Amino acid sequence: MRQILLDTETTGLDWRKGNRVVEIGCVELIKRRPTGNNFHVYLKPDVDFEEGAAEVTGLSLEFLADKPLFADVVDDFLAYVDGAELIIHNASFDMGFLENELALAGKDKLAARVTVTDTLLMAREKYPGQRNSLDALCKRLGVDNSHRTLHGALLDAQILADVYIGLTSGQEEIGFADTASQSDAGISLLVQDLSSLPPRPSVVVSDEESQAHEARLGVLRKKAGRAIWDGPQPEAEPAA
């Protein structure tokens, strides 16, 4: 399975108000291991930043003035993500901006080329009622983000890779601090350097096993309305 951790930086919070993408950062995982085949580009937006947005990213129109337009890199971007599972924190934000950029470039929807996993929805299901920002998850899962002083798309995608592994890992992908470094609060959970781990074993499922699994899911859906394998349950709309 080819997975791509993706993050964007933008000139503001809403593409409907004319805001544009100024940075795209992608980190590729194969069998849950980083390959080094990353995608990173700064983009000239041709619109100004909303108040406060430039300070968050550390970017400026002066820095972006000689960078390519999205239309100049769109084919490279689509070739890179084609057929992959995109893993995004608060996916509706980034996908909204990217779909708008593709529409402006005269391209078909990104959703037709990829599948999307939202780690924010995953975290809300796993840690209901808690803060589930990327920074909060780093603290909870022991991911070092001390070098994150500004929002940057590639850096955030790299951090998200560690967070995603922490959210979905088994014990073989998690290390524990040694006894000397443990505090009175208990054992500290540390996500290891993913590149140092061996490839995960591959399991091939037979057609018979796949059919039996689908039949079992059908029984669960009939009884409960859904199965946990269907993904996070949509949040209820707030009362009017």
C-alpha atoms as a PDB file:
ATOM      1  CA  MET A   1       0.000   0.000   0.000  1.00  0.00           C
ATOM      2  CA  ARG A   2       1.410   3.386  -1.047  1.00  0.00           C
ATOM      3  CA  GLN A   3       0.527   6.043   1.508  1.00  0.00           C
ATOM      4  CA  ILE A   4       1.270   9.755   1.282  1.00  0.00           C
ATOM      5  CA  LEU A   5       1.179  12.087   4.277  1.00  0.00           C
ATOM      6  CA  LEU A   6       0.119  15.466   2.894  1.00  0.00           C
ATOM      7  CA  ASP A   7      -0.060  19.002   4.218  1.00  0.00           C
ATOM      8  CA  THR A   8      -0.605  22.404   2.638  1.00  0.00           C
ATOM      9  CA  GLU A   9      -0.008  25.999   3.645  1.00  0.00           C
ATOM     10  CA  THR A  10      -2.355  28.673   2.341  1.00  0.00           C
ATOM     11  CA  THR A  11      -2.880  32.430   2.215  1.00  0.00           C
ATOM     12  CA  GLY A  12      -5.918  32.156   4.487  1.00  0.00           C
ATOM     13  CA  LEU A  13      -8.518  29.839   5.954  1.00  0.00           C
ATOM     14  CA  ASP A  14     -11.132  29.648   3.175  1.00  0.00           C
ATOM     15  CA  TRP A  15     -10.581  28.982  -0.517  1.00  0.00           C
ATOM     16  CA  ARG A  16     -14.108  30.320  -1.191  1.00  0.00           C
ATOM     17  CA  LYS A  17     -12.791  33.781  -0.279  1.00  0.00           C
ATOM     18  CA  GLY A  18     -10.093  33.572  -2.930  1.00  0.00           C
ATOM     19  CA  ASN A  19      -7.311  32.180  -0.748  1.00  0.00           C
ATOM     20  CA  ARG A  20      -4.734  29.998  -2.475  1.00  0.00           C
ATOM     21  CA  VAL A  21      -2.211  27.257  -1.722  1.00  0.00           C
ATOM     22  CA  VAL A  22       1.370  28.502  -1.219  1.00  0.00           C
ATOM     23  CA  GLU A  23       3.098  25.256  -0.185  1.00  0.00           C
ATOM     24  CA  ILE A  24       2.516  21.522  -0.607  1.00  0.00           C
ATOM     25  CA  GLY A  25       4.483  18.936   1.361  1.00  0.00           C
ATOM     26  CA  CYS A  26       4.182  15.164   0.904  1.00  0.00           C
ATOM     27  CA  VAL A  27       5.958  12.238   2.572  1.00  0.00           C
ATOM     28  CA  GLU A  28       5.686   8.790   0.989  1.00  0.00           C
ATOM     29  CA  LEU A  29       5.354   5.583   3.008  1.00  0.00           C
ATOM     30  CA  ILE A  30       5.578   2.103   1.533  1.00  0.00           C
ATOM     31  CA  LYS A  31       4.551  -0.666   3.928  1.00  0.00           C
ATOM     32  CA  ARG A  32       4.417   2.054   6.618  1.00  0.00           C
ATOM     33  CA  ARG A  33       8.075   2.960   6.134  1.00  0.00           C
ATOM     34  CA  PRO A  34       9.373   6.290   4.710  1.00  0.00           C
ATOM     35  CA  THR A  35      10.958   5.918   1.291  1.00  0.00           C
ATOM     36  CA  GLY A  36      12.555   9.350   0.954  1.00  0.00           C
ATOM     37  CA  ASN A  37      10.496   9.909  -2.207  1.00  0.00           C
ATOM     38  CA  ASN A  38       8.911  13.119  -0.970  1.00  0.00           C
ATOM     39  CA  PHE A  39       7.216  15.947  -2.866  1.00  0.00           C
ATOM     40  CA  HIS A  40       7.676  19.567  -1.817  1.00  0.00           C
ATOM     41  CA  VAL A  41       6.971  22.800  -3.630  1.00  0.00           C
ATOM     42  CA  TYR A  42       6.392  26.478  -2.834  1.00  0.00           C
ATOM     43  CA  LEU A  43       3.818  28.248  -5.010  1.00  0.00           C
ATOM     44  CA  LYS A  44       3.233  31.809  -6.123  1.00  0.00           C
ATOM     45  CA  PRO A  45      -0.376  32.590  -5.113  1.00  0.00           C
ATOM     46  CA  ASP A  46      -1.009  35.876  -6.989  1.00  0.00           C
ATOM     47  CA  VAL A  47      -3.157  36.977  -4.040  1.00  0.00           C
ATOM     48  CA  ASP A  48      -2.193  38.568  -0.743  1.00  0.00           C
ATOM     49  CA  PHE A  49      -2.121  36.773   2.610  1.00  0.00           C
ATOM     50  CA  GLU A  50      -4.983  37.258   5.008  1.00  0.00           C
ATOM     51  CA  GLU A  51      -4.045  39.037   8.222  1.00  0.00           C
ATOM     52  CA  GLY A  52      -1.962  36.716  10.405  1.00  0.00           C
ATOM     53  CA  ALA A  53      -1.530  33.950   7.801  1.00  0.00           C
ATOM     54  CA  ALA A  54       1.969  34.971   6.726  1.00  0.00           C
ATOM     55  CA  GLU A  55       3.126  35.065  10.358  1.00  0.00           C
ATOM     56  CA  VAL A  56       1.918  31.489  10.913  1.00  0.00           C
ATOM     57  CA  THR A  57       3.832  30.104   7.935  1.00  0.00           C
ATOM     58  CA  GLY A  58       6.821  32.445   7.910  1.00  0.00           C
ATOM     59  CA  LEU A  59       6.268  32.910   4.159  1.00  0.00           C
ATOM     60  CA  SER A  60       5.915  36.180   2.284  1.00  0.00           C
ATOM     61  CA  LEU A  61       4.877  37.348  -1.164  1.00  0.00           C
ATOM     62  CA  GLU A  62       8.467  38.481  -1.715  1.00  0.00           C
ATOM     63  CA  PHE A  63       9.788  34.960  -1.057  1.00  0.00           C
ATOM     64  CA  LEU A  64       7.108  33.395  -3.268  1.00  0.00           C
ATOM     65  CA  ALA A  65       7.449  35.892  -6.144  1.00  0.00           C
ATOM     66  CA  ASP A  66       9.754  33.665  -8.233  1.00  0.00           C
ATOM     67  CA  LYS A  67       8.072  30.367  -7.345  1.00  0.00           C
ATOM     68  CA  PRO A  68       5.950  28.418  -9.866  1.00  0.00           C
ATOM     69  CA  LEU A  69       2.204  28.754 -10.165  1.00  0.00           C
ATOM     70  CA  PHE A  70       0.110  25.706  -9.231  1.00  0.00           C
ATOM     71  CA  ALA A  71      -0.709  25.248 -12.919  1.00  0.00           C
ATOM     72  CA  ASP A  72       3.025  24.876 -13.606  1.00  0.00           C
ATOM     73  CA  VAL A  73       3.416  21.904 -11.231  1.00  0.00           C
ATOM     74  CA  VAL A  74      -0.046  20.344 -11.353  1.00  0.00           C
ATOM     75  CA  ASP A  75       0.917  17.485 -13.672  1.00  0.00           C
ATOM     76  CA  ASP A  76       3.914  16.540 -11.516  1.00  0.00           C
ATOM     77  CA  PHE A  77       1.747  16.667  -8.389  1.00  0.00           C
ATOM     78  CA  LEU A  78      -0.988  14.488  -9.890  1.00  0.00           C
ATOM     79  CA  ALA A  79       1.536  11.944 -11.159  1.00  0.00           C
ATOM     80  CA  TYR A  80       3.056  11.765  -7.667  1.00  0.00           C
ATOM     81  CA  VAL A  81      -0.204  11.193  -5.748  1.00  0.00           C
ATOM     82  CA  ASP A  82      -2.048   9.126  -8.372  1.00  0.00           C
ATOM     83  CA  GLY A  83      -3.563   5.972  -6.873  1.00  0.00           C
ATOM     84  CA  ALA A  84      -2.216   6.584  -3.361  1.00  0.00           C
ATOM     85  CA  GLU A  85      -3.931   6.806   0.003  1.00  0.00           C
ATOM     86  CA  LEU A  86      -3.596  10.419   1.173  1.00  0.00           C
ATOM     87  CA  ILE A  87      -3.317  10.759   4.937  1.00  0.00           C
ATOM     88  CA  ILE A  88      -4.175  14.290   6.027  1.00  0.00           C
ATOM     89  CA  HIS A  89      -4.903  15.945   9.373  1.00  0.00           C
ATOM     90  CA  ASN A  90      -8.221  17.784   8.982  1.00  0.00           C
ATOM     91  CA  ALA A  91      -8.544  16.530   5.420  1.00  0.00           C
ATOM     92  CA  SER A  92     -11.550  18.665   4.489  1.00  0.00           C
ATOM     93  CA  PHE A  93      -9.394  21.797   4.751  1.00  0.00           C
ATOM     94  CA  ASP A  94      -6.530  20.639   2.527  1.00  0.00           C
ATOM     95  CA  MET A  95      -8.763  18.780   0.075  1.00  0.00           C
ATOM     96  CA  GLY A  96     -10.996  21.822  -0.325  1.00  0.00           C
ATOM     97  CA  PHE A  97      -8.009  23.973  -1.262  1.00  0.00           C
ATOM     98  CA  LEU A  98      -6.483  21.357  -3.570  1.00  0.00           C
ATOM     99  CA  GLU A  99      -9.757  20.668  -5.369  1.00  0.00           C
ATOM    100  CA  ASN A 100     -10.130  24.416  -5.915  1.00  0.00           C
ATOM    101  CA  GLU A 101      -6.596  24.672  -7.315  1.00  0.00           C
ATOM    102  CA  LEU A 102      -7.276  21.745  -9.653  1.00  0.00           C
ATOM    103  CA  ALA A 103     -10.538  23.297 -10.835  1.00  0.00           C
ATOM    104  CA  LEU A 104      -8.763  26.599 -11.565  1.00  0.00           C
ATOM    105  CA  ALA A 105      -6.139  24.637 -13.524  1.00  0.00           C
ATOM    106  CA  GLY A 106      -8.843  22.874 -15.551  1.00  0.00           C
ATOM    107  CA  LYS A 107      -8.156  19.439 -14.042  1.00  0.00           C
ATOM    108  CA  ASP A 108     -10.518  16.723 -12.795  1.00  0.00           C
ATOM    109  CA  LYS A 109     -11.150  16.214  -9.087  1.00  0.00           C
ATOM    110  CA  LEU A 110      -8.363  14.828  -6.920  1.00  0.00           C
ATOM    111  CA  ALA A 111     -10.855  12.596  -5.068  1.00  0.00           C
ATOM    112  CA  ALA A 112     -11.256  10.544  -8.251  1.00  0.00           C
ATOM    113  CA  ARG A 113      -7.538   9.657  -8.199  1.00  0.00           C
ATOM    114  CA  VAL A 114      -6.877   8.907  -4.512  1.00  0.00           C
ATOM    115  CA  THR A 115      -8.397   7.674  -1.289  1.00  0.00           C
ATOM    116  CA  VAL A 116      -8.276   9.947   1.753  1.00  0.00           C
ATOM    117  CA  THR A 117      -7.770   9.138   5.445  1.00  0.00           C
ATOM    118  CA  ASP A 118      -8.348  11.930   7.965  1.00  0.00           C
ATOM    119  CA  THR A 119      -6.186  11.553  11.071  1.00  0.00           C
ATOM    120  CA  LEU A 120      -8.253  14.193  12.869  1.00  0.00           C
ATOM    121  CA  LEU A 121     -11.337  11.969  12.614  1.00  0.00           C
ATOM    122  CA  MET A 122      -9.241   8.963  13.679  1.00  0.00           C
ATOM    123  CA  ALA A 123      -7.972  10.859  16.719  1.00  0.00           C
ATOM    124  CA  ARG A 124     -11.439  12.093  17.694  1.00  0.00           C
ATOM    125  CA  GLU A 125     -12.690   8.513  17.678  1.00  0.00           C
ATOM    126  CA  LYS A 126      -9.696   7.236  19.648  1.00  0.00           C
ATOM    127  CA  TYR A 127      -9.522  10.167  22.094  1.00  0.00           C
ATOM    128  CA  PRO A 128     -13.083  11.555  22.366  1.00  0.00           C
ATOM    129  CA  GLY A 129     -13.472  14.796  24.251  1.00  0.00           C
ATOM    130  CA  GLN A 130      -9.738  15.606  24.107  1.00  0.00           C
ATOM    131  CA  ARG A 131      -7.732  18.112  22.093  1.00  0.00           C
ATOM    132  CA  ASN A 132      -6.639  16.435  18.879  1.00  0.00           C
ATOM    133  CA  SER A 133      -4.589  19.090  17.111  1.00  0.00           C
ATOM    134  CA  LEU A 134      -1.313  17.911  15.601  1.00  0.00           C
ATOM    135  CA  ASP A 135       0.615  19.474  18.489  1.00  0.00           C
ATOM    136  CA  ALA A 136      -1.647  17.818  21.063  1.00  0.00           C
ATOM    137  CA  LEU A 137      -1.221  14.420  19.398  1.00  0.00           C
ATOM    138  CA  CYS A 138       2.562  14.863  19.309  1.00  0.00           C
ATOM    139  CA  LYS A 139       2.557  15.398  23.066  1.00  0.00           C
ATOM    140  CA  ARG A 140       0.194  12.462  23.687  1.00  0.00           C
ATOM    141  CA  LEU A 141       2.087  10.034  21.453  1.00  0.00           C
ATOM    142  CA  GLY A 142       5.618  11.110  22.339  1.00  0.00           C
ATOM    143  CA  VAL A 143       6.447  12.584  18.926  1.00  0.00           C
ATOM    144  CA  ASP A 144       9.183  15.208  19.065  1.00  0.00           C
ATOM    145  CA  ASN A 145       7.976  18.419  17.431  1.00  0.00           C
ATOM    146  CA  SER A 146      10.280  20.803  19.280  1.00  0.00           C
ATOM    147  CA  HIS A 147      11.741  21.938  15.934  1.00  0.00           C
ATOM    148  CA  ARG A 148       8.288  23.088  14.759  1.00  0.00           C
ATOM    149  CA  THR A 149       8.360  26.829  15.449  1.00  0.00           C
ATOM    150  CA  LEU A 150       6.421  27.722  12.284  1.00  0.00           C
ATOM    151  CA  HIS A 151       3.892  25.846  10.187  1.00  0.00           C
ATOM    152  CA  GLY A 152       5.585  24.310   7.151  1.00  0.00           C
ATOM    153  CA  ALA A 153       3.932  21.813   4.827  1.00  0.00           C
ATOM    154  CA  LEU A 154       6.825  19.347   4.484  1.00  0.00           C
ATOM    155  CA  LEU A 155       7.774  19.518   8.165  1.00  0.00           C
ATOM    156  CA  ASP A 156       4.147  19.015   9.211  1.00  0.00           C
ATOM    157  CA  ALA A 157       3.825  16.069   6.810  1.00  0.00           C
ATOM    158  CA  GLN A 158       6.929  14.493   8.360  1.00  0.00           C
ATOM    159  CA  ILE A 159       5.549  15.004  11.868  1.00  0.00           C
ATOM    160  CA  LEU A 160       2.173  13.639  10.756  1.00  0.00           C
ATOM    161  CA  ALA A 161       3.907  10.463   9.556  1.00  0.00           C
ATOM    162  CA  ASP A 162       5.120   9.811  13.111  1.00  0.00           C
ATOM    163  CA  VAL A 163       1.714  10.713  14.549  1.00  0.00           C
ATOM    164  CA  TYR A 164      -0.072   8.389  12.107  1.00  0.00           C
ATOM    165  CA  ILE A 165       2.238   5.493  12.997  1.00  0.00           C
ATOM    166  CA  GLY A 166       1.610   6.233  16.666  1.00  0.00           C
ATOM    167  CA  LEU A 167      -2.158   6.243  16.146  1.00  0.00           C
ATOM    168  CA  THR A 168      -2.180   2.954  14.246  1.00  0.00           C
ATOM    169  CA  SER A 169       0.884   1.021  15.430  1.00  0.00           C
ATOM    170  CA  GLY A 170       1.259  -2.269  17.221  1.00  0.00           C
ATOM    171  CA  GLN A 171       3.802  -2.881  19.956  1.00  0.00           C
ATOM    172  CA  GLU A 172       6.584  -3.744  17.489  1.00  0.00           C
ATOM    173  CA  GLU A 173       6.526  -0.154  16.213  1.00  0.00           C
ATOM    174  CA  ILE A 174       6.578   1.495  19.646  1.00  0.00           C
ATOM    175  CA  GLY A 175       9.548   1.840  21.998  1.00  0.00           C
ATOM    176  CA  PHE A 176       9.612   2.663  25.683  1.00  0.00           C
ATOM    177  CA  ALA A 177      12.034   4.957  27.462  1.00  0.00           C
ATOM    178  CA  ASP A 178      14.672   3.112  29.461  1.00  0.00           C
ATOM    179  CA  THR A 179      14.317   2.849  33.209  1.00  0.00           C
ATOM    180  CA  ALA A 180      16.790   5.653  33.907  1.00  0.00           C
ATOM    181  CA  SER A 181      14.790   8.187  31.910  1.00  0.00           C
ATOM    182  CA  GLN A 182      11.372   7.326  33.331  1.00  0.00           C
ATOM    183  CA  SER A 183       9.728   9.898  35.550  1.00  0.00           C
ATOM    184  CA  ASP A 184       7.467   9.289  38.516  1.00  0.00           C
ATOM    185  CA  ALA A 185       4.525   9.807  36.180  1.00  0.00           C
ATOM    186  CA  GLY A 186       5.220   6.413  34.607  1.00  0.00           C
ATOM    187  CA  ILE A 187       6.580   5.072  31.337  1.00  0.00           C
ATOM    188  CA  SER A 188       7.050   7.515  28.471  1.00  0.00           C
ATOM    189  CA  LEU A 189       5.798   6.406  25.066  1.00  0.00           C
ATOM    190  CA  LEU A 190       8.237   7.114  22.234  1.00  0.00           C
ATOM    191  CA  VAL A 191       7.684   6.587  18.531  1.00  0.00           C
ATOM    192  CA  GLN A 192      10.917   5.235  17.068  1.00  0.00           C
ATOM    193  CA  ASP A 193      12.748   6.508  13.998  1.00  0.00           C
ATOM    194  CA  LEU A 194      10.713   4.794  11.290  1.00  0.00           C
ATOM    195  CA  SER A 195      13.634   4.468   8.886  1.00  0.00           C
ATOM    196  CA  SER A 196      15.498   2.228  11.351  1.00  0.00           C
ATOM    197  CA  LEU A 197      12.749  -0.377  11.499  1.00  0.00           C
ATOM    198  CA  PRO A 198      12.667  -3.458   9.272  1.00  0.00           C
ATOM    199  CA  PRO A 199       9.924  -3.852   6.633  1.00  0.00           C
ATOM    200  CA  ARG A 200       6.591  -4.997   7.991  1.00  0.00           C
ATOM    201  CA  PRO A 201       5.652  -8.565   7.082  1.00  0.00           C
ATOM    202  CA  SER A 202       3.203  -8.892   4.197  1.00  0.00           C
ATOM    203  CA  VAL A 203       0.103 -11.051   4.622  1.00  0.00           C
ATOM    204  CA  VAL A 204      -1.689 -12.292   1.510  1.00  0.00           C
ATOM    205  CA  VAL A 205      -5.426 -12.848   1.969  1.00  0.00           C
ATOM    206  CA  SER A 206      -7.057 -15.554  -0.132  1.00  0.00           C
ATOM    207  CA  ASP A 207     -10.299 -14.972  -2.058  1.00  0.00           C
ATOM    208  CA  GLU A 208     -12.122 -17.343   0.303  1.00  0.00           C
ATOM    209  CA  GLU A 209     -10.894 -15.448   3.373  1.00  0.00           C
ATOM    210  CA  SER A 210     -11.843 -12.112   1.823  1.00  0.00           C
ATOM    211  CA  GLN A 211     -15.347 -13.361   1.006  1.00  0.00           C
ATOM    212  CA  ALA A 212     -15.783 -14.754   4.524  1.00  0.00           C
ATOM    213  CA  HIS A 213     -14.640 -11.419   5.980  1.00  0.00           C
ATOM    214  CA  GLU A 214     -17.125  -9.468   3.842  1.00  0.00           C
ATOM    215  CA  ALA A 215     -19.912 -11.850   4.838  1.00  0.00           C
ATOM    216  CA  ARG A 216     -19.098 -11.307   8.512  1.00  0.00           C
ATOM    217  CA  LEU A 217     -19.082  -7.521   8.026  1.00  0.00           C
ATOM    218  CA  GLY A 218     -22.485  -7.812   6.370  1.00  0.00           C
ATOM    219  CA  VAL A 219     -23.856  -9.505   9.490  1.00  0.00           C
ATOM    220  CA  LEU A 220     -22.376  -6.785  11.723  1.00  0.00           C
ATOM    221  CA  ARG A 221     -23.783  -3.999   9.553  1.00  0.00           C
ATOM    222  CA  LYS A 222     -27.215  -5.623   9.612  1.00  0.00           C
ATOM    223  CA  LYS A 223     -27.184  -5.813  13.409  1.00  0.00           C
ATOM    224  CA  ALA A 224     -25.454  -2.537  14.289  1.00  0.00           C
ATOM    225  CA  GLY A 225     -25.848  -0.386  11.179  1.00  0.00           C
ATOM    226  CA  ARG A 226     -22.083  -0.208  10.604  1.00  0.00           C
ATOM    227  CA  ALA A 227     -18.818  -1.989  11.360  1.00  0.00           C
ATOM    228  CA  ILE A 228     -15.655  -0.495  12.827  1.00  0.00           C
ATOM    229  CA  TRP A 229     -13.848  -1.356   9.574  1.00  0.00           C
ATOM    230  CA  ASP A 230     -16.102   1.155   7.791  1.00  0.00           C
ATOM    231  CA  GLY A 231     -14.026   3.958   9.326  1.00  0.00           C
ATOM    232  CA  PRO A 232     -14.885   6.752  11.779  1.00  0.00           C
ATOM    233  CA  GLN A 233     -18.589   7.390  12.283  1.00  0.00           C
ATOM    234  CA  PRO A 234     -19.637  10.847  11.022  1.00  0.00           C
ATOM    235  CA  GLU A 235     -20.152  13.330  13.827  1.00  0.00           C
ATOM    236  CA  ALA A 236     -23.734  14.331  14.503  1.00  0.00           C
ATOM    237  CA  GLU A 237     -24.742  17.789  13.292  1.00  0.00           C
ATOM    238  CA  PRO A 238     -25.138  20.295  16.148  1.00  0.00           C
ATOM    239  CA  ALA A 239     -28.689  21.078  17.151  1.00  0.00           C
ATOM    240  CA  ALA A 240     -30.125  24.219  15.611  1.00  0.00           C
END
